[in-house]
Amino acid sequence: MYTASASSDEEYCQLETFRPQCLPGERVIISKAIYGRMSDTARCLQDEIQLVKDDPMYMGCFEDVLPLVNARCSRQENCEIRIPDPEMEKTNPCYRHLAKYLEVVYHCIKGSDEFS
């Protein structure tokens, strides 16, 4: 049996680190993780000039990186992923020179170590 005690939906910009914050004895469960440039209103892109935002390799370019983030973080008491992350960069969802960010939704689960 397990119960969710907290959840978070956040963006992690260049030079920031994703570090889920759960209570002692809880484990992280990742439910969403995407990497790229999802929205021109994102906190991480506020300082950029949006001259070519209609170009699909400039804005709206992203990859689902849930398997990667799950492998590193799900069912762990803690983890961290620094952005830019070399493995996520290999997905190459946008032009290489553009700043990309990680959007993650996670939950903290308290209970037994057996997850269904």
N, C-alpha and C. Protein backbone atom coordinates (compact mmCIF):
# COMPACT_ATOMS: atom_id res chain seq x y z
N MET A 1 0.84 -1.18 0.00
CA MET A 1 0.00 0.00 0.00
C MET A 1 0.88 1.24 0.00
N TYR A 2 0.50 2.23 -0.77
CA TYR A 2 1.25 3.48 -0.77
C TYR A 2 0.30 4.65 -0.92
N THR A 3 0.74 5.81 -0.50
CA THR A 3 -0.05 7.02 -0.65
C THR A 3 0.83 8.14 -1.14
N ALA A 4 0.26 9.00 -1.97
CA ALA A 4 1.00 10.17 -2.46
C ALA A 4 0.88 11.28 -1.43
N SER A 5 2.00 11.86 -1.03
CA SER A 5 1.96 12.93 -0.04
C SER A 5 2.22 14.30 -0.66
N ALA A 6 2.83 14.34 -1.83
CA ALA A 6 3.12 15.62 -2.47
C ALA A 6 3.32 15.40 -3.95
N SER A 7 3.11 16.44 -4.73
CA SER A 7 3.42 16.37 -6.15
C SER A 7 3.94 17.72 -6.60
N SER A 8 4.65 17.70 -7.72
CA SER A 8 5.25 18.92 -8.22
C SER A 8 5.29 18.88 -9.74
N ASP A 9 5.06 20.04 -10.35
CA ASP A 9 5.14 20.22 -11.80
C ASP A 9 6.01 21.45 -12.01
N GLU A 10 7.25 21.25 -12.45
CA GLU A 10 8.19 22.36 -12.50
C GLU A 10 9.04 22.33 -13.76
N GLU A 11 9.62 23.48 -14.08
CA GLU A 11 10.57 23.62 -15.18
C GLU A 11 11.97 23.79 -14.59
N TYR A 12 12.94 23.17 -15.24
CA TYR A 12 14.34 23.28 -14.83
C TYR A 12 15.12 23.80 -16.02
N CYS A 13 15.67 25.01 -15.86
CA CYS A 13 16.35 25.73 -16.93
C CYS A 13 17.82 25.32 -17.03
N GLN A 14 18.50 25.87 -18.04
CA GLN A 14 19.94 25.66 -18.20
C GLN A 14 20.65 26.05 -16.90
N LEU A 15 21.60 25.22 -16.49
CA LEU A 15 22.41 25.40 -15.30
C LEU A 15 21.64 25.23 -14.00
N GLU A 16 20.42 24.70 -14.07
CA GLU A 16 19.67 24.34 -12.87
C GLU A 16 19.71 22.82 -12.71
N THR A 17 19.37 22.36 -11.52
CA THR A 17 19.39 20.93 -11.23
C THR A 17 18.03 20.48 -10.73
N PHE A 18 17.51 19.44 -11.37
CA PHE A 18 16.28 18.79 -10.89
C PHE A 18 16.65 17.94 -9.70
N ARG A 19 16.10 18.28 -8.54
CA ARG A 19 16.28 17.53 -7.30
C ARG A 19 14.92 17.40 -6.64
N PRO A 20 14.22 16.30 -6.84
CA PRO A 20 12.91 16.17 -6.23
C PRO A 20 13.00 16.26 -4.71
N GLN A 21 12.04 16.93 -4.12
CA GLN A 21 12.02 17.13 -2.67
C GLN A 21 10.89 16.32 -2.06
N CYS A 22 11.25 15.23 -1.43
CA CYS A 22 10.28 14.39 -0.74
C CYS A 22 10.66 14.31 0.74
N LEU A 23 9.71 13.88 1.55
CA LEU A 23 9.97 13.71 2.97
C LEU A 23 10.80 12.44 3.21
N PRO A 24 11.49 12.36 4.34
CA PRO A 24 12.24 11.13 4.65
C PRO A 24 11.33 9.91 4.59
N GLY A 25 11.83 8.85 3.99
CA GLY A 25 11.06 7.61 3.86
C GLY A 25 10.16 7.56 2.65
N GLU A 26 10.07 8.64 1.90
CA GLU A 26 9.26 8.65 0.70
C GLU A 26 10.13 8.39 -0.52
N ARG A 27 9.48 7.98 -1.58
CA ARG A 27 10.17 7.72 -2.84
C ARG A 27 9.56 8.57 -3.95
N VAL A 28 10.39 8.86 -4.94
CA VAL A 28 9.98 9.69 -6.07
C VAL A 28 9.34 8.81 -7.15
N ILE A 29 8.24 9.28 -7.70
CA ILE A 29 7.62 8.64 -8.86
C ILE A 29 7.46 9.72 -9.93
N ILE A 30 8.09 9.53 -11.07
CA ILE A 30 8.03 10.49 -12.16
C ILE A 30 6.84 10.13 -13.05
N SER A 31 5.97 11.10 -13.34
CA SER A 31 4.82 10.82 -14.20
C SER A 31 4.92 11.53 -15.56
N LYS A 32 5.81 12.53 -15.66
CA LYS A 32 5.98 13.23 -16.93
C LYS A 32 7.37 13.83 -16.95
N ALA A 33 8.06 13.74 -18.08
CA ALA A 33 9.36 14.38 -18.26
C ALA A 33 9.55 14.66 -19.74
N ILE A 34 9.63 15.95 -20.09
CA ILE A 34 9.88 16.34 -21.47
C ILE A 34 11.02 17.35 -21.49
N TYR A 35 11.80 17.29 -22.57
CA TYR A 35 12.98 18.12 -22.70
C TYR A 35 12.97 18.84 -24.04
N GLY A 36 13.18 20.12 -24.00
CA GLY A 36 13.21 20.90 -25.24
C GLY A 36 12.75 22.32 -24.98
N ARG A 37 11.97 22.82 -25.92
CA ARG A 37 11.43 24.19 -25.84
C ARG A 37 9.93 24.09 -26.11
N MET A 38 9.18 23.86 -25.07
CA MET A 38 7.76 23.56 -25.21
C MET A 38 6.90 24.81 -25.43
N SER A 39 7.27 25.93 -24.80
CA SER A 39 6.41 27.11 -24.85
C SER A 39 7.24 28.39 -24.82
N ASP A 40 6.82 29.37 -25.61
CA ASP A 40 7.54 30.64 -25.58
C ASP A 40 7.19 31.48 -24.35
N THR A 41 6.29 30.99 -23.52
CA THR A 41 5.97 31.67 -22.27
C THR A 41 6.66 31.01 -21.07
N ALA A 42 7.50 30.03 -21.31
CA ALA A 42 8.18 29.33 -20.23
C ALA A 42 9.13 30.26 -19.47
N ARG A 43 9.22 30.04 -18.19
CA ARG A 43 10.12 30.81 -17.34
C ARG A 43 11.55 30.76 -17.87
N CYS A 44 11.96 29.64 -18.36
CA CYS A 44 13.34 29.44 -18.81
C CYS A 44 13.70 30.21 -20.07
N LEU A 45 12.70 30.67 -20.80
CA LEU A 45 12.97 31.35 -22.07
C LEU A 45 12.61 32.83 -22.04
N GLN A 46 12.34 33.37 -20.88
CA GLN A 46 11.89 34.75 -20.77
C GLN A 46 12.89 35.77 -21.30
N ASP A 47 14.18 35.50 -21.21
CA ASP A 47 15.18 36.47 -21.63
C ASP A 47 15.54 36.38 -23.11
N GLU A 48 14.94 35.47 -23.84
CA GLU A 48 15.28 35.30 -25.25
C GLU A 48 14.44 36.19 -26.15
N ILE A 49 15.02 36.61 -27.24
CA ILE A 49 14.28 37.33 -28.26
C ILE A 49 13.57 36.29 -29.12
N GLN A 50 12.29 36.43 -29.27
CA GLN A 50 11.47 35.42 -29.95
C GLN A 50 11.26 35.77 -31.43
N LEU A 51 12.32 35.91 -32.20
CA LEU A 51 12.20 36.33 -33.59
C LEU A 51 11.70 35.24 -34.52
N VAL A 52 12.04 34.00 -34.24
CA VAL A 52 11.67 32.91 -35.13
C VAL A 52 10.84 31.85 -34.41
N LYS A 53 9.98 32.26 -33.51
CA LYS A 53 9.26 31.31 -32.68
C LYS A 53 8.31 30.40 -33.45
N ASP A 54 7.98 30.73 -34.70
CA ASP A 54 7.12 29.85 -35.49
C ASP A 54 7.88 28.71 -36.15
N ASP A 55 9.19 28.74 -36.10
CA ASP A 55 10.03 27.66 -36.64
C ASP A 55 9.93 26.46 -35.70
N PRO A 56 9.48 25.27 -36.18
CA PRO A 56 9.31 24.12 -35.29
C PRO A 56 10.60 23.59 -34.66
N MET A 57 11.74 24.00 -35.17
CA MET A 57 12.99 23.60 -34.51
C MET A 57 13.43 24.67 -33.51
N TYR A 58 12.68 25.75 -33.42
CA TYR A 58 12.99 26.82 -32.47
C TYR A 58 12.04 26.77 -31.27
N MET A 59 10.76 26.53 -31.53
CA MET A 59 9.77 26.50 -30.46
C MET A 59 8.81 25.35 -30.71
N GLY A 60 8.40 24.68 -29.65
CA GLY A 60 7.53 23.53 -29.80
C GLY A 60 8.30 22.28 -30.19
N CYS A 61 9.62 22.32 -29.99
CA CYS A 61 10.47 21.16 -30.29
C CYS A 61 10.83 20.52 -28.95
N PHE A 62 10.48 19.26 -28.78
CA PHE A 62 10.77 18.59 -27.51
C PHE A 62 10.72 17.08 -27.70
N GLU A 63 11.28 16.39 -26.73
CA GLU A 63 11.26 14.93 -26.72
C GLU A 63 10.74 14.46 -25.36
N ASP A 64 10.03 13.35 -25.37
CA ASP A 64 9.60 12.70 -24.14
C ASP A 64 10.83 11.98 -23.57
N VAL A 65 11.30 12.41 -22.42
CA VAL A 65 12.47 11.79 -21.79
C VAL A 65 12.06 11.05 -20.50
N LEU A 66 10.78 10.68 -20.43
CA LEU A 66 10.29 9.96 -19.25
C LEU A 66 11.09 8.68 -18.96
N PRO A 67 11.40 7.84 -19.96
CA PRO A 67 12.18 6.64 -19.65
C PRO A 67 13.54 6.96 -19.02
N LEU A 68 14.20 7.99 -19.50
CA LEU A 68 15.50 8.38 -18.97
C LEU A 68 15.39 8.89 -17.53
N VAL A 69 14.44 9.77 -17.28
CA VAL A 69 14.27 10.33 -15.94
C VAL A 69 13.77 9.26 -14.98
N ASN A 70 12.87 8.40 -15.45
CA ASN A 70 12.41 7.28 -14.62
C ASN A 70 13.57 6.40 -14.17
N ALA A 71 14.44 6.07 -15.11
CA ALA A 71 15.58 5.19 -14.80
C ALA A 71 16.48 5.79 -13.73
N ARG A 72 16.60 7.10 -13.71
CA ARG A 72 17.47 7.76 -12.75
C ARG A 72 16.80 8.10 -11.43
N CYS A 73 15.49 8.31 -11.46
CA CYS A 73 14.85 8.89 -10.28
C CYS A 73 13.70 8.10 -9.68
N SER A 74 12.86 7.46 -10.49
CA SER A 74 11.69 6.80 -9.93
C SER A 74 12.08 5.71 -8.96
N ARG A 75 11.33 5.66 -7.88
CA ARG A 75 11.51 4.71 -6.77
C ARG A 75 12.76 4.97 -5.96
N GLN A 76 13.38 6.12 -6.17
CA GLN A 76 14.56 6.52 -5.40
C GLN A 76 14.13 7.48 -4.30
N GLU A 77 14.91 7.53 -3.23
CA GLU A 77 14.64 8.52 -2.18
C GLU A 77 15.09 9.90 -2.62
N ASN A 78 16.12 9.94 -3.45
CA ASN A 78 16.57 11.23 -4.00
C ASN A 78 17.36 10.96 -5.29
N CYS A 79 17.48 12.01 -6.07
CA CYS A 79 18.25 11.94 -7.32
C CYS A 79 18.50 13.37 -7.75
N GLU A 80 19.34 13.54 -8.75
CA GLU A 80 19.53 14.87 -9.33
C GLU A 80 19.96 14.76 -10.78
N ILE A 81 19.44 15.68 -11.57
CA ILE A 81 19.77 15.75 -12.99
C ILE A 81 20.08 17.21 -13.31
N ARG A 82 21.30 17.47 -13.73
CA ARG A 82 21.74 18.82 -14.07
C ARG A 82 21.40 19.12 -15.53
N ILE A 83 20.87 20.31 -15.76
CA ILE A 83 20.50 20.73 -17.12
C ILE A 83 21.55 21.73 -17.60
N PRO A 84 22.14 21.57 -18.77
CA PRO A 84 21.82 20.56 -19.78
C PRO A 84 22.40 19.20 -19.40
N ASP A 85 21.67 18.17 -19.70
CA ASP A 85 22.08 16.80 -19.42
C ASP A 85 22.58 16.16 -20.72
N PRO A 86 23.77 15.57 -20.71
CA PRO A 86 24.32 15.00 -21.95
C PRO A 86 23.41 13.97 -22.63
N GLU A 87 22.75 13.11 -21.87
CA GLU A 87 21.88 12.11 -22.48
C GLU A 87 20.64 12.75 -23.10
N MET A 88 20.09 13.76 -22.44
CA MET A 88 18.92 14.46 -23.00
C MET A 88 19.32 15.25 -24.23
N GLU A 89 20.50 15.82 -24.24
CA GLU A 89 20.98 16.58 -25.40
C GLU A 89 21.08 15.68 -26.63
N LYS A 90 21.34 14.39 -26.44
CA LYS A 90 21.43 13.46 -27.57
C LYS A 90 20.10 13.29 -28.29
N THR A 91 18.99 13.60 -27.62
CA THR A 91 17.69 13.49 -28.28
C THR A 91 17.54 14.55 -29.36
N ASN A 92 18.29 15.66 -29.24
CA ASN A 92 18.37 16.72 -30.24
C ASN A 92 17.00 17.17 -30.78
N PRO A 93 16.08 17.57 -29.88
CA PRO A 93 14.76 17.96 -30.38
C PRO A 93 14.72 19.33 -31.06
N CYS A 94 15.73 20.17 -30.83
CA CYS A 94 15.76 21.54 -31.35
C CYS A 94 17.13 21.83 -31.95
N TYR A 95 17.26 23.00 -32.54
CA TYR A 95 18.58 23.43 -32.99
C TYR A 95 19.57 23.33 -31.83
N ARG A 96 20.77 22.89 -32.12
CA ARG A 96 21.76 22.64 -31.07
C ARG A 96 22.11 23.86 -30.21
N HIS A 97 22.20 25.03 -30.81
CA HIS A 97 22.65 26.19 -30.06
C HIS A 97 21.60 26.78 -29.13
N LEU A 98 20.37 26.30 -29.19
CA LEU A 98 19.31 26.87 -28.38
C LEU A 98 19.27 26.29 -26.97
N ALA A 99 18.95 27.13 -26.01
CA ALA A 99 18.76 26.67 -24.64
C ALA A 99 17.47 25.85 -24.57
N LYS A 100 17.56 24.71 -23.93
CA LYS A 100 16.41 23.84 -23.74
C LYS A 100 16.17 23.69 -22.24
N TYR A 101 15.00 23.24 -21.87
CA TYR A 101 14.71 23.05 -20.46
C TYR A 101 13.97 21.74 -20.24
N LEU A 102 13.94 21.30 -18.99
CA LEU A 102 13.29 20.06 -18.60
C LEU A 102 12.02 20.41 -17.84
N GLU A 103 10.92 19.81 -18.25
CA GLU A 103 9.66 19.94 -17.52
C GLU A 103 9.34 18.58 -16.92
N VAL A 104 9.16 18.56 -15.60
CA VAL A 104 8.95 17.30 -14.89
C VAL A 104 7.74 17.39 -13.97
N VAL A 105 6.96 16.32 -13.96
CA VAL A 105 5.91 16.15 -12.96
C VAL A 105 6.29 14.91 -12.16
N TYR A 106 6.35 15.07 -10.84
CA TYR A 106 6.66 13.93 -10.00
C TYR A 106 5.79 13.94 -8.75
N HIS A 107 5.71 12.79 -8.12
CA HIS A 107 4.95 12.62 -6.89
C HIS A 107 5.87 11.97 -5.86
N CYS A 108 5.61 12.24 -4.62
CA CYS A 108 6.31 11.58 -3.53
C CYS A 108 5.36 10.51 -2.97
N ILE A 109 5.86 9.30 -2.88
CA ILE A 109 5.05 8.17 -2.46
C ILE A 109 5.58 7.63 -1.14
N LYS A 110 4.69 7.48 -0.19
CA LYS A 110 5.08 6.92 1.10
C LYS A 110 4.38 5.57 1.23
N GLY A 111 5.11 4.58 1.74
CA GLY A 111 4.52 3.27 1.92
C GLY A 111 5.58 2.20 1.75
N SER A 112 5.14 1.03 1.40
CA SER A 112 6.07 -0.09 1.27
C SER A 112 6.96 0.10 0.05
N ASP A 113 8.03 -0.66 0.00
CA ASP A 113 8.96 -0.58 -1.13
C ASP A 113 8.40 -1.29 -2.37
N GLU A 114 7.32 -1.99 -2.21
CA GLU A 114 6.71 -2.70 -3.34
C GLU A 114 5.72 -1.76 -4.01
N PHE A 115 5.96 -1.42 -5.24
CA PHE A 115 5.07 -0.55 -6.00
C PHE A 115 4.34 -1.40 -7.02
N SER A 116 3.07 -1.09 -7.20
CA SER A 116 2.33 -1.84 -8.22
C SER A 116 2.27 -1.08 -9.51
